[in-house]
Amino acid sequence: MSAGATTGVSMLRQALADYLRLRRALGSTLDRAEKLLAQFVTYLEQHDADVVTVEHAVAWATLPGGSGWWHALRLIAVRRFAVYLRNLDDRTQIPPPGLLAHGKHRATPYLYSSREIDALIAAARMLPTPIAAATYPAMIGLLAVTGMRFSEAIALDVTDFDDHSETVIVRAGKFGKSRLLPVHATTADGLRHYLVQRQRLLRTRKLADRDVLFISAAGTRLDHSAAQKKWRTIRDLAGLTPRSANCRPRIHDLRHSFAVATLLDCYRRGADIPTMLPTLSTYLGHVDPKSTYWYLSAAPELLQLASQRLDTYLTAGDT
């Protein structure tokens, strides 16, 4: 690699760090984008490139592996970065939108039954290290009964659980919004039990982070990628397998399962769904209740209940 290219790539890496810092200050998390763009900059290094071009962007985005949707997603990440870079270097080429065609993609939620959630918690207790065997059952249980995002759970501190009021506060969640989540007494008892275990286990960790709620084997905050890997181990131990190529048991589906189960319960109780949805939307941390309405299409049983409710309403209107 030439000296000029080395300097250019160093500038690109610094620009990437600045770009991520700016976007996160505006409320984005960018965990996936950070990983993808770091890989893209490495690709530029390997090709002695000191500027982003459409040719390099497309060549990297379409490297073997993954579907057309994945290639398009990679190019979108580069395009957004290139828009930022253009203000710093007018040689930067911005890939035009839609350059890589792809259809709409959204994974089919894997809706966990109560039995499957119990199996996941039991499997988590079988993890080989004492801290993991204490941390992951508590975290999975909290995700299942609150529907909070996985990233929000690993960001929790000990002080975010109020033992007296039995609430959990999610600070600066998605879009920078915070929210207070009341939890059931059994959930609060489970967190209290975990905190006792956690305190005992941390006594042997000199470099432990005393503020973090869900801790790693080193006593520090859980790393997102490492925790996802541990989740796959738990899922396999629980014997859960994909229902289809597009419906795999992801940790994020605990959130979907909570939302769908809540809606099902409301329908069965005859609750006023339009009135209840804004409350559920706020609890889930959705900016717009329209995002919560999406769950109506996530389960056939929900669609059936919604259809029955509509039929009842129309029949009553005809009488």
Protein backbone atom coordinates (compact mmCIF):
# COMPACT_ATOMS: atom_id res chain seq x y z
CA MET A 1 0.00 0.00 0.00
CA SER A 2 1.31 3.42 -0.89
CA ALA A 3 1.97 6.12 1.71
CA GLY A 4 -0.78 8.26 0.20
CA ALA A 5 -3.27 5.43 0.41
CA THR A 6 -2.27 4.72 4.01
CA THR A 7 -2.94 8.34 4.94
CA GLY A 8 -6.23 8.28 3.09
CA VAL A 9 -7.41 5.12 4.80
CA SER A 10 -6.43 6.54 8.18
CA MET A 11 -8.58 9.55 7.37
CA LEU A 12 -11.44 7.25 6.37
CA ARG A 13 -11.21 5.41 9.68
CA GLN A 14 -11.24 8.67 11.58
CA ALA A 15 -14.15 9.87 9.46
CA LEU A 16 -16.02 6.65 10.25
CA ALA A 17 -15.50 7.16 13.98
CA ASP A 18 -16.75 10.75 13.69
CA TYR A 19 -19.74 9.65 11.58
CA LEU A 20 -20.79 7.01 14.12
CA ARG A 21 -20.37 9.45 16.99
CA LEU A 22 -22.54 12.04 15.23
CA ARG A 23 -25.31 9.58 14.31
CA ARG A 24 -25.40 8.16 17.84
CA ALA A 25 -25.66 11.65 19.29
CA LEU A 26 -28.81 11.97 17.18
CA GLY A 27 -30.28 8.81 18.69
CA SER A 28 -29.17 5.99 16.38
CA THR A 29 -27.52 2.83 17.76
CA LEU A 30 -25.80 1.68 14.54
CA ASP A 31 -24.43 -1.61 15.93
CA ARG A 32 -24.84 -3.35 12.57
CA ALA A 33 -23.73 -0.33 10.55
CA GLU A 34 -20.55 0.01 12.63
CA LYS A 35 -19.59 -3.57 11.90
CA LEU A 36 -20.43 -3.34 8.19
CA LEU A 37 -18.66 -0.05 7.62
CA ALA A 38 -15.54 -1.23 9.45
CA GLN A 39 -15.48 -4.19 7.06
CA PHE A 40 -15.91 -1.82 4.11
CA VAL A 41 -12.99 0.37 5.20
CA THR A 42 -10.87 -2.78 5.55
CA TYR A 43 -11.89 -3.69 1.99
CA LEU A 44 -10.70 -0.25 0.82
CA GLU A 45 -7.40 -0.79 2.63
CA GLN A 46 -6.89 -4.07 0.85
CA HIS A 47 -7.49 -2.37 -2.51
CA ASP A 48 -5.25 0.65 -1.85
CA ALA A 49 -8.25 2.97 -2.10
CA ASP A 50 -8.37 6.31 -0.29
CA VAL A 51 -11.83 7.40 -1.43
CA VAL A 52 -15.28 5.82 -1.67
CA THR A 53 -16.40 5.11 -5.24
CA VAL A 54 -19.56 3.49 -6.57
CA GLU A 55 -17.46 0.71 -8.09
CA HIS A 56 -15.82 -0.17 -4.77
CA ALA A 57 -19.11 0.14 -2.88
CA VAL A 58 -20.95 -2.25 -5.20
CA ALA A 59 -18.04 -4.68 -5.39
CA TRP A 60 -17.88 -4.91 -1.60
CA ALA A 61 -21.65 -5.03 -1.08
CA THR A 62 -22.03 -7.94 -3.51
CA LEU A 63 -19.20 -10.10 -2.21
CA PRO A 64 -20.21 -13.79 -2.21
CA GLY A 65 -22.50 -14.81 0.63
CA GLY A 66 -25.92 -13.60 1.60
CA SER A 67 -29.02 -12.78 -0.40
CA GLY A 68 -29.84 -9.89 -2.67
CA TRP A 69 -31.55 -8.25 0.29
CA TRP A 70 -28.33 -8.51 2.33
CA HIS A 71 -26.27 -7.02 -0.53
CA ALA A 72 -28.71 -4.11 -0.77
CA LEU A 73 -28.56 -3.56 3.00
CA ARG A 74 -24.75 -3.40 2.89
CA LEU A 75 -24.87 -0.85 0.08
CA ILE A 76 -27.39 1.28 1.97
CA ALA A 77 -24.98 1.47 4.92
CA VAL A 78 -22.18 2.61 2.58
CA ARG A 79 -24.44 5.12 0.85
CA ARG A 80 -25.33 6.86 4.11
CA PHE A 81 -21.66 7.01 5.07
CA ALA A 82 -20.76 8.34 1.63
CA VAL A 83 -23.27 11.19 1.96
CA TYR A 84 -21.43 12.23 5.12
CA LEU A 85 -18.01 11.81 3.48
CA ARG A 86 -18.96 13.94 0.51
CA ASN A 87 -18.89 16.99 2.79
CA LEU A 88 -15.28 16.16 3.66
CA ASP A 89 -13.96 15.00 0.29
CA ASP A 90 -15.66 16.02 -2.95
CA ARG A 91 -14.07 13.05 -4.72
CA THR A 92 -16.49 10.79 -2.82
CA GLN A 93 -19.05 9.07 -5.04
CA ILE A 94 -22.48 8.41 -3.53
CA PRO A 95 -24.14 5.17 -4.73
CA PRO A 96 -27.58 6.10 -6.11
CA PRO A 97 -30.59 4.74 -4.20
CA GLY A 98 -32.04 1.50 -5.57
CA LEU A 99 -28.81 0.55 -7.35
CA LEU A 100 -29.15 -3.00 -6.02
CA ALA A 101 -32.76 -4.10 -6.39
CA HIS A 102 -34.30 -5.98 -3.50
CA GLY A 103 -37.76 -6.81 -2.29
CA LYS A 104 -39.20 -5.79 1.04
CA HIS A 105 -37.86 -8.03 3.76
CA ARG A 106 -39.00 -8.57 7.28
CA ALA A 107 -38.31 -11.73 9.21
CA THR A 108 -41.36 -13.69 10.28
CA PRO A 109 -41.51 -13.45 14.09
CA TYR A 110 -40.87 -16.67 15.97
CA LEU A 111 -43.63 -16.49 18.55
CA TYR A 112 -42.54 -18.37 21.65
CA SER A 113 -45.01 -20.37 23.67
CA SER A 114 -44.85 -20.27 27.47
CA ARG A 115 -43.34 -23.75 27.38
CA GLU A 116 -40.60 -22.63 24.99
CA ILE A 117 -39.75 -19.62 27.16
CA ASP A 118 -39.50 -21.93 30.18
CA ALA A 119 -37.22 -24.21 28.13
CA LEU A 120 -34.98 -21.26 27.22
CA ILE A 121 -34.65 -20.19 30.87
CA ALA A 122 -33.92 -23.76 31.94
CA ALA A 123 -31.28 -24.08 29.19
CA ALA A 124 -29.68 -20.80 30.26
CA ARG A 125 -29.25 -22.19 33.77
CA MET A 126 -27.16 -24.98 32.21
CA LEU A 127 -24.48 -22.61 30.90
CA PRO A 128 -21.05 -23.67 32.17
CA THR A 129 -19.93 -20.48 33.94
CA PRO A 130 -21.74 -19.50 37.18
CA ILE A 131 -22.18 -15.86 36.13
CA ALA A 132 -23.67 -16.76 32.74
CA ALA A 133 -25.92 -19.35 34.40
CA ALA A 134 -27.26 -16.60 36.67
CA THR A 135 -27.32 -13.67 34.23
CA TYR A 136 -28.97 -15.15 31.14
CA PRO A 137 -32.01 -16.73 32.85
CA ALA A 138 -32.73 -13.39 34.56
CA MET A 139 -32.30 -11.41 31.36
CA ILE A 140 -34.40 -13.77 29.21
CA GLY A 141 -37.15 -13.69 31.83
CA LEU A 142 -37.16 -9.88 31.87
CA LEU A 143 -37.24 -9.68 28.07
CA ALA A 144 -40.14 -12.13 27.93
CA VAL A 145 -42.35 -10.24 30.41
CA THR A 146 -41.56 -6.64 29.41
CA GLY A 147 -40.97 -6.82 25.65
CA MET A 148 -38.02 -4.46 25.98
CA ARG A 149 -35.40 -4.49 23.26
CA PHE A 150 -32.32 -6.68 23.77
CA SER A 151 -30.06 -3.62 23.43
CA GLU A 152 -32.08 -1.88 26.16
CA ALA A 153 -31.73 -4.85 28.51
CA ILE A 154 -27.94 -5.04 28.27
CA ALA A 155 -27.75 -1.27 28.82
CA LEU A 156 -29.56 -1.48 32.19
CA ASP A 157 -27.77 -0.52 35.38
CA VAL A 158 -28.56 -1.86 38.84
CA THR A 159 -30.17 1.44 39.81
CA ASP A 160 -32.60 1.16 36.89
CA PHE A 161 -34.53 -1.45 38.88
CA ASP A 162 -36.51 0.15 41.71
CA ASP A 163 -37.04 -2.56 44.29
CA HIS A 164 -39.60 -0.51 46.23
CA SER A 165 -41.91 0.48 43.36
CA GLU A 166 -41.19 -2.69 41.35
CA THR A 167 -40.40 -0.78 38.18
CA VAL A 168 -37.61 -0.82 35.60
CA ILE A 169 -36.58 2.36 33.83
CA VAL A 170 -35.23 2.17 30.28
CA ARG A 171 -32.97 5.18 29.85
CA ALA A 172 -32.35 6.66 26.40
CA GLY A 173 -33.83 3.74 24.48
CA LYS A 174 -34.38 3.82 20.73
CA PHE A 175 -34.75 7.39 19.43
CA GLY A 176 -33.29 8.59 22.76
CA LYS A 177 -36.56 8.18 24.66
CA SER A 178 -36.79 6.86 28.23
CA ARG A 179 -39.74 5.00 29.74
CA LEU A 180 -40.80 3.49 33.06
CA LEU A 181 -41.96 -0.14 33.02
CA PRO A 182 -44.00 -1.52 35.95
CA VAL A 183 -43.25 -5.24 36.38
CA HIS A 184 -45.19 -8.04 38.00
CA ALA A 185 -44.31 -8.98 41.58
CA THR A 186 -42.91 -12.32 40.42
CA THR A 187 -40.62 -10.54 37.96
CA ALA A 188 -39.45 -8.19 40.71
CA ASP A 189 -38.74 -11.19 42.95
CA GLY A 190 -36.73 -12.77 40.15
CA LEU A 191 -34.62 -9.63 39.78
CA ARG A 192 -34.07 -9.46 43.53
CA HIS A 193 -32.88 -13.08 43.52
CA TYR A 194 -30.55 -12.36 40.60
CA LEU A 195 -29.09 -9.31 42.38
CA VAL A 196 -28.22 -11.49 45.38
CA GLN A 197 -26.50 -14.01 43.09
CA ARG A 198 -24.78 -11.22 41.19
CA GLN A 199 -23.41 -9.64 44.36
CA ARG A 200 -22.03 -12.98 45.54
CA LEU A 201 -20.41 -13.73 42.19
CA LEU A 202 -18.87 -10.27 41.85
CA ARG A 203 -16.87 -10.64 45.04
CA THR A 204 -14.24 -12.58 43.09
CA ARG A 205 -14.06 -10.04 40.22
CA LYS A 206 -11.63 -7.23 41.04
CA LEU A 207 -12.31 -5.34 37.79
CA ALA A 208 -16.06 -5.82 37.91
CA ASP A 209 -18.43 -3.04 36.91
CA ARG A 210 -20.54 -2.60 40.01
CA ASP A 211 -23.16 -0.50 38.23
CA VAL A 212 -24.10 -2.87 35.40
CA LEU A 213 -27.20 -5.03 35.92
CA PHE A 214 -26.58 -7.94 33.56
CA ILE A 215 -22.91 -8.89 33.77
CA SER A 216 -20.52 -10.95 31.67
CA ALA A 217 -18.17 -13.64 32.97
CA ALA A 218 -15.62 -10.85 33.52
CA GLY A 219 -18.11 -8.89 35.59
CA THR A 220 -18.53 -6.21 32.92
CA ARG A 221 -21.46 -5.12 30.75
CA LEU A 222 -22.53 -7.75 28.24
CA ASP A 223 -21.10 -7.32 24.76
CA HIS A 224 -23.85 -7.32 22.13
CA SER A 225 -22.15 -9.77 19.74
CA ALA A 226 -20.94 -12.12 22.49
CA ALA A 227 -24.40 -12.16 24.06
CA GLN A 228 -25.99 -13.00 20.70
CA LYS A 229 -23.57 -15.91 20.37
CA LYS A 230 -24.49 -17.08 23.88
CA TRP A 231 -28.16 -16.80 22.92
CA ARG A 232 -27.62 -19.22 20.03
CA THR A 233 -26.07 -21.68 22.47
CA ILE A 234 -29.09 -21.35 24.77
CA ARG A 235 -31.51 -21.73 21.87
CA ASP A 236 -29.78 -24.93 20.74
CA LEU A 237 -29.72 -26.32 24.28
CA ALA A 238 -33.46 -25.64 24.51
CA GLY A 239 -33.97 -27.64 21.30
CA LEU A 240 -35.55 -24.77 19.35
CA THR A 241 -35.17 -24.92 15.58
CA PRO A 242 -36.32 -22.65 12.71
CA ARG A 243 -39.92 -23.03 11.60
CA SER A 244 -38.93 -21.86 8.12
CA ALA A 245 -36.02 -20.16 6.38
CA ASN A 246 -37.54 -16.80 7.34
CA CYS A 247 -38.74 -17.72 10.83
CA ARG A 248 -35.86 -18.41 13.19
CA PRO A 249 -35.86 -18.23 17.01
CA ARG A 250 -34.15 -14.87 17.56
CA ILE A 251 -33.74 -13.14 20.90
CA HIS A 252 -35.63 -10.13 19.49
CA ASP A 253 -38.65 -12.39 19.01
CA LEU A 254 -39.18 -12.39 22.77
CA ARG A 255 -40.33 -8.81 22.21
CA HIS A 256 -42.69 -9.87 19.42
CA SER A 257 -44.03 -12.68 21.59
CA PHE A 258 -44.77 -10.29 24.46
CA ALA A 259 -46.62 -7.88 22.18
CA VAL A 260 -48.70 -10.59 20.52
CA ALA A 261 -49.52 -12.29 23.85
CA THR A 262 -50.64 -8.93 25.27
CA LEU A 263 -52.89 -8.24 22.29
CA LEU A 264 -54.34 -11.76 22.44
CA ASP A 265 -55.15 -11.32 26.11
CA CYS A 266 -56.85 -7.98 25.40
CA TYR A 267 -59.00 -9.49 22.64
CA ARG A 268 -60.03 -12.41 24.85
CA ARG A 269 -61.02 -10.04 27.65
CA GLY A 270 -63.02 -7.92 25.25
CA ALA A 271 -60.84 -4.88 25.85
CA ASP A 272 -61.09 -1.77 23.70
CA ILE A 273 -58.09 -2.36 21.40
CA PRO A 274 -57.89 1.17 19.88
CA THR A 275 -57.84 2.62 23.39
CA MET A 276 -55.32 0.09 24.69
CA LEU A 277 -52.85 0.22 21.78
CA PRO A 278 -51.32 3.64 22.61
CA THR A 279 -50.55 2.34 26.12
CA LEU A 280 -48.93 -0.80 24.76
CA SER A 281 -47.08 1.30 22.20
CA THR A 282 -45.65 3.50 24.95
CA TYR A 283 -44.69 0.45 27.03
CA LEU A 284 -42.84 -1.03 24.05
CA GLY A 285 -41.09 2.25 23.29
CA HIS A 286 -42.67 2.75 19.87
CA VAL A 287 -42.68 6.34 18.64
CA ASP A 288 -45.89 5.79 16.68
CA PRO A 289 -48.75 3.37 17.54
CA LYS A 290 -48.72 2.35 13.87
CA SER A 291 -45.60 0.35 14.66
CA THR A 292 -47.59 -1.60 17.25
CA TYR A 293 -50.40 -2.31 14.79
CA TRP A 294 -47.91 -4.38 12.79
CA TYR A 295 -48.19 -7.09 15.44
CA LEU A 296 -51.79 -7.67 14.39
CA SER A 297 -50.43 -9.45 11.31
CA ALA A 298 -47.81 -11.40 13.22
CA ALA A 299 -50.04 -14.24 14.41
CA PRO A 300 -52.94 -16.00 12.67
CA GLU A 301 -54.86 -16.16 15.95
CA LEU A 302 -54.70 -12.38 16.29
CA LEU A 303 -56.03 -11.94 12.77
CA GLN A 304 -58.87 -14.37 13.52
CA LEU A 305 -59.83 -12.53 16.71
CA ALA A 306 -59.66 -9.18 14.95
CA SER A 307 -61.89 -10.56 12.18
CA GLN A 308 -64.39 -11.91 14.72
CA ARG A 309 -64.45 -8.53 16.47
CA LEU A 310 -65.13 -6.81 13.13
CA ASP A 311 -67.89 -9.31 12.26
CA THR A 312 -69.57 -8.69 15.62
CA TYR A 313 -69.39 -4.94 15.08
CA LEU A 314 -70.82 -5.13 11.56
CA THR A 315 -73.58 -7.52 12.64
CA ALA A 316 -74.57 -5.20 15.47
CA GLY A 317 -74.67 -2.30 13.01
CA ASP A 318 -77.09 -4.16 10.77
CA THR A 319 -79.63 -4.80 13.55
